[in-house]
Amino acid sequence: MLAKAINCLDLEDGNPCNVCDNCQAINAQSTLDYIEIDAASHTGVENIREEILNKVPYPPTHLKKKIYVIDEVHMLSK
């Protein structure tokens, strides 16, 4: 929801429209600018850090802002 609110092309009272190209791309996870990292399979903080740092230098290609989501963050360990 936050990723769409940040990148939505047609916010409606502060809420994402869910119909613009950006909202649709995030819903379908079909954009390189929305990166979901599964912490259950990358359990170390260092693994996550490395993955993010490898992608950060590249600017967004489609969305206004790049979004990184760490799913299952409670699975991370030092």
N, C-alpha and C. Protein backbone atom coordinates (compact mmCIF):
# COMPACT_ATOMS: atom_id res chain seq x y z
N MET A 1 0.83 -1.19 0.00
CA MET A 1 0.00 0.00 0.00
C MET A 1 0.88 1.25 0.00
N LEU A 2 1.90 1.27 0.83
CA LEU A 2 2.79 2.43 0.90
C LEU A 2 3.54 2.62 -0.41
N ALA A 3 4.00 1.53 -1.01
CA ALA A 3 4.71 1.61 -2.30
C ALA A 3 3.83 2.24 -3.36
N LYS A 4 2.56 1.86 -3.37
CA LYS A 4 1.63 2.43 -4.36
C LYS A 4 1.34 3.89 -4.04
N ALA A 5 1.16 4.23 -2.78
CA ALA A 5 0.88 5.62 -2.41
C ALA A 5 2.03 6.54 -2.80
N ILE A 6 3.25 6.06 -2.69
CA ILE A 6 4.42 6.87 -3.05
C ILE A 6 4.52 7.05 -4.56
N ASN A 7 4.12 6.05 -5.32
CA ASN A 7 4.32 6.06 -6.77
C ASN A 7 3.07 6.25 -7.62
N CYS A 8 1.91 6.31 -7.01
CA CYS A 8 0.65 6.43 -7.75
C CYS A 8 0.62 7.72 -8.58
N LEU A 9 0.11 7.60 -9.79
CA LEU A 9 0.00 8.75 -10.68
C LEU A 9 -1.28 9.53 -10.47
N ASP A 10 -2.24 8.96 -9.74
CA ASP A 10 -3.54 9.60 -9.57
C ASP A 10 -4.10 9.32 -8.18
N LEU A 11 -3.44 9.86 -7.15
CA LEU A 11 -3.91 9.65 -5.77
C LEU A 11 -5.32 10.18 -5.61
N GLU A 12 -6.14 9.46 -4.87
CA GLU A 12 -7.51 9.86 -4.57
C GLU A 12 -7.62 10.04 -3.06
N ASP A 13 -7.65 11.28 -2.61
CA ASP A 13 -7.69 11.60 -1.18
C ASP A 13 -6.53 10.95 -0.43
N GLY A 14 -5.36 10.92 -1.05
CA GLY A 14 -4.17 10.35 -0.43
C GLY A 14 -4.03 8.85 -0.58
N ASN A 15 -5.02 8.22 -1.20
CA ASN A 15 -4.99 6.77 -1.39
C ASN A 15 -4.62 6.43 -2.83
N PRO A 16 -3.87 5.35 -3.04
CA PRO A 16 -3.53 4.95 -4.40
C PRO A 16 -4.78 4.56 -5.19
N CYS A 17 -4.77 4.87 -6.47
CA CYS A 17 -5.95 4.61 -7.31
C CYS A 17 -6.10 3.14 -7.69
N ASN A 18 -5.00 2.39 -7.70
CA ASN A 18 -4.98 0.97 -8.08
C ASN A 18 -5.31 0.71 -9.55
N VAL A 19 -5.39 1.75 -10.37
CA VAL A 19 -5.68 1.55 -11.79
C VAL A 19 -4.61 2.15 -12.71
N CYS A 20 -3.81 3.07 -12.21
CA CYS A 20 -2.78 3.67 -13.06
C CYS A 20 -1.68 2.65 -13.36
N ASP A 21 -0.84 2.97 -14.33
CA ASP A 21 0.24 2.06 -14.73
C ASP A 21 1.15 1.70 -13.56
N ASN A 22 1.46 2.68 -12.72
CA ASN A 22 2.36 2.42 -11.59
C ASN A 22 1.73 1.48 -10.57
N CYS A 23 0.48 1.73 -10.21
CA CYS A 23 -0.21 0.84 -9.26
C CYS A 23 -0.32 -0.57 -9.82
N GLN A 24 -0.66 -0.68 -11.09
CA GLN A 24 -0.79 -2.00 -11.72
C GLN A 24 0.55 -2.74 -11.74
N ALA A 25 1.63 -2.02 -12.03
CA ALA A 25 2.96 -2.64 -12.07
C ALA A 25 3.36 -3.16 -10.69
N ILE A 26 3.05 -2.39 -9.65
CA ILE A 26 3.37 -2.82 -8.28
C ILE A 26 2.50 -4.02 -7.91
N ASN A 27 1.21 -3.98 -8.23
CA ASN A 27 0.32 -5.11 -7.93
C ASN A 27 0.81 -6.39 -8.59
N ALA A 28 1.27 -6.28 -9.83
CA ALA A 28 1.73 -7.45 -10.58
C ALA A 28 3.19 -7.79 -10.30
N GLN A 29 3.85 -6.94 -9.52
CA GLN A 29 5.29 -7.08 -9.25
C GLN A 29 6.06 -7.25 -10.55
N SER A 30 5.70 -6.41 -11.53
CA SER A 30 6.30 -6.50 -12.86
C SER A 30 7.23 -5.34 -13.18
N THR A 31 7.64 -4.60 -12.17
CA THR A 31 8.55 -3.49 -12.38
C THR A 31 9.85 -3.74 -11.63
N LEU A 32 10.95 -3.33 -12.22
CA LEU A 32 12.26 -3.48 -11.57
C LEU A 32 12.43 -2.52 -10.41
N ASP A 33 11.51 -1.57 -10.27
CA ASP A 33 11.61 -0.55 -9.23
C ASP A 33 10.93 -0.96 -7.93
N TYR A 34 10.24 -2.07 -7.93
CA TYR A 34 9.62 -2.62 -6.72
C TYR A 34 10.32 -3.94 -6.44
N ILE A 35 11.16 -3.92 -5.42
CA ILE A 35 12.00 -5.08 -5.11
C ILE A 35 11.55 -5.68 -3.79
N GLU A 36 11.09 -6.91 -3.83
CA GLU A 36 10.70 -7.61 -2.62
C GLU A 36 11.77 -8.66 -2.32
N ILE A 37 12.35 -8.55 -1.15
CA ILE A 37 13.41 -9.46 -0.72
C ILE A 37 12.84 -10.37 0.35
N ASP A 38 12.99 -11.66 0.16
CA ASP A 38 12.47 -12.64 1.11
C ASP A 38 13.51 -12.91 2.19
N ALA A 39 13.27 -12.39 3.37
CA ALA A 39 14.22 -12.56 4.47
C ALA A 39 14.27 -14.00 4.97
N ALA A 40 13.26 -14.79 4.64
CA ALA A 40 13.28 -16.20 5.06
C ALA A 40 14.36 -16.97 4.30
N SER A 41 14.66 -16.55 3.07
CA SER A 41 15.70 -17.25 2.31
C SER A 41 17.04 -16.50 2.36
N HIS A 42 17.02 -15.23 2.72
CA HIS A 42 18.25 -14.45 2.93
C HIS A 42 18.28 -14.09 4.42
N THR A 43 18.64 -15.04 5.26
CA THR A 43 18.43 -14.87 6.70
C THR A 43 19.41 -13.94 7.39
N GLY A 44 20.54 -13.66 6.80
CA GLY A 44 21.50 -12.79 7.46
C GLY A 44 21.33 -11.34 7.06
N VAL A 45 21.49 -10.45 8.00
CA VAL A 45 21.42 -9.02 7.73
C VAL A 45 22.43 -8.64 6.65
N GLU A 46 23.59 -9.24 6.70
CA GLU A 46 24.64 -8.95 5.71
C GLU A 46 24.19 -9.35 4.30
N ASN A 47 23.47 -10.45 4.16
CA ASN A 47 22.95 -10.87 2.85
C ASN A 47 21.97 -9.84 2.29
N ILE A 48 21.08 -9.36 3.14
CA ILE A 48 20.09 -8.35 2.72
C ILE A 48 20.81 -7.06 2.35
N ARG A 49 21.74 -6.64 3.19
CA ARG A 49 22.50 -5.41 2.94
C ARG A 49 23.20 -5.49 1.59
N GLU A 50 23.85 -6.61 1.32
CA GLU A 50 24.57 -6.79 0.07
C GLU A 50 23.63 -6.73 -1.14
N GLU A 51 22.49 -7.38 -1.02
CA GLU A 51 21.52 -7.38 -2.13
C GLU A 51 21.01 -5.97 -2.41
N ILE A 52 20.70 -5.22 -1.36
CA ILE A 52 20.21 -3.85 -1.54
C ILE A 52 21.31 -2.96 -2.12
N LEU A 53 22.51 -3.04 -1.56
CA LEU A 53 23.60 -2.18 -2.03
C LEU A 53 23.96 -2.45 -3.49
N ASN A 54 23.76 -3.67 -3.96
CA ASN A 54 24.02 -3.99 -5.36
C ASN A 54 23.02 -3.33 -6.30
N LYS A 55 21.82 -3.03 -5.81
CA LYS A 55 20.76 -2.47 -6.66
C LYS A 55 20.56 -0.97 -6.48
N VAL A 56 21.03 -0.42 -5.37
CA VAL A 56 20.81 1.00 -5.07
C VAL A 56 21.41 1.96 -6.10
N PRO A 57 22.58 1.68 -6.67
CA PRO A 57 23.18 2.66 -7.59
C PRO A 57 22.33 2.95 -8.84
N TYR A 58 21.41 2.08 -9.17
CA TYR A 58 20.61 2.26 -10.38
C TYR A 58 19.35 3.06 -10.08
N PRO A 59 19.10 4.12 -10.85
CA PRO A 59 17.90 4.94 -10.61
C PRO A 59 16.64 4.17 -11.03
N PRO A 60 15.48 4.62 -10.57
CA PRO A 60 14.23 3.98 -10.98
C PRO A 60 14.08 4.03 -12.51
N THR A 61 13.54 2.97 -13.08
CA THR A 61 13.36 2.92 -14.53
C THR A 61 11.93 3.25 -14.95
N HIS A 62 10.97 3.00 -14.08
CA HIS A 62 9.56 3.20 -14.44
C HIS A 62 8.82 4.03 -13.39
N LEU A 63 8.97 3.67 -12.14
CA LEU A 63 8.27 4.37 -11.06
C LEU A 63 8.99 5.66 -10.68
N LYS A 64 8.29 6.50 -9.89
CA LYS A 64 8.91 7.74 -9.41
C LYS A 64 10.02 7.43 -8.41
N LYS A 65 9.79 6.46 -7.57
CA LYS A 65 10.74 6.07 -6.51
C LYS A 65 10.91 4.56 -6.52
N LYS A 66 12.12 4.11 -6.19
CA LYS A 66 12.38 2.69 -6.02
C LYS A 66 11.91 2.28 -4.63
N ILE A 67 11.33 1.11 -4.53
CA ILE A 67 10.82 0.60 -3.26
C ILE A 67 11.46 -0.75 -2.96
N TYR A 68 11.98 -0.90 -1.75
CA TYR A 68 12.53 -2.17 -1.28
C TYR A 68 11.65 -2.66 -0.14
N VAL A 69 11.12 -3.86 -0.28
CA VAL A 69 10.29 -4.47 0.75
C VAL A 69 11.03 -5.71 1.24
N ILE A 70 11.22 -5.79 2.54
CA ILE A 70 11.84 -6.98 3.13
C ILE A 70 10.73 -7.79 3.78
N ASP A 71 10.34 -8.86 3.10
CA ASP A 71 9.27 -9.73 3.57
C ASP A 71 9.85 -10.69 4.62
N GLU A 72 9.05 -11.01 5.62
CA GLU A 72 9.47 -11.92 6.69
C GLU A 72 10.70 -11.39 7.44
N VAL A 73 10.73 -10.08 7.67
CA VAL A 73 11.90 -9.45 8.29
C VAL A 73 12.22 -10.04 9.67
N HIS A 74 11.23 -10.58 10.34
CA HIS A 74 11.47 -11.17 11.66
C HIS A 74 12.37 -12.41 11.58
N MET A 75 12.61 -12.92 10.38
CA MET A 75 13.47 -14.10 10.20
C MET A 75 14.95 -13.73 10.14
N LEU A 76 15.27 -12.45 10.08
CA LEU A 76 16.67 -12.03 9.96
C LEU A 76 17.44 -12.31 11.24
N SER A 77 18.70 -12.60 11.06
CA SER A 77 19.60 -12.80 12.20
C SER A 77 20.88 -12.03 11.93
N LYS A 78 21.62 -11.79 12.99
CA LYS A 78 22.89 -11.07 12.84
C LYS A 78 23.85 -11.99 12.18
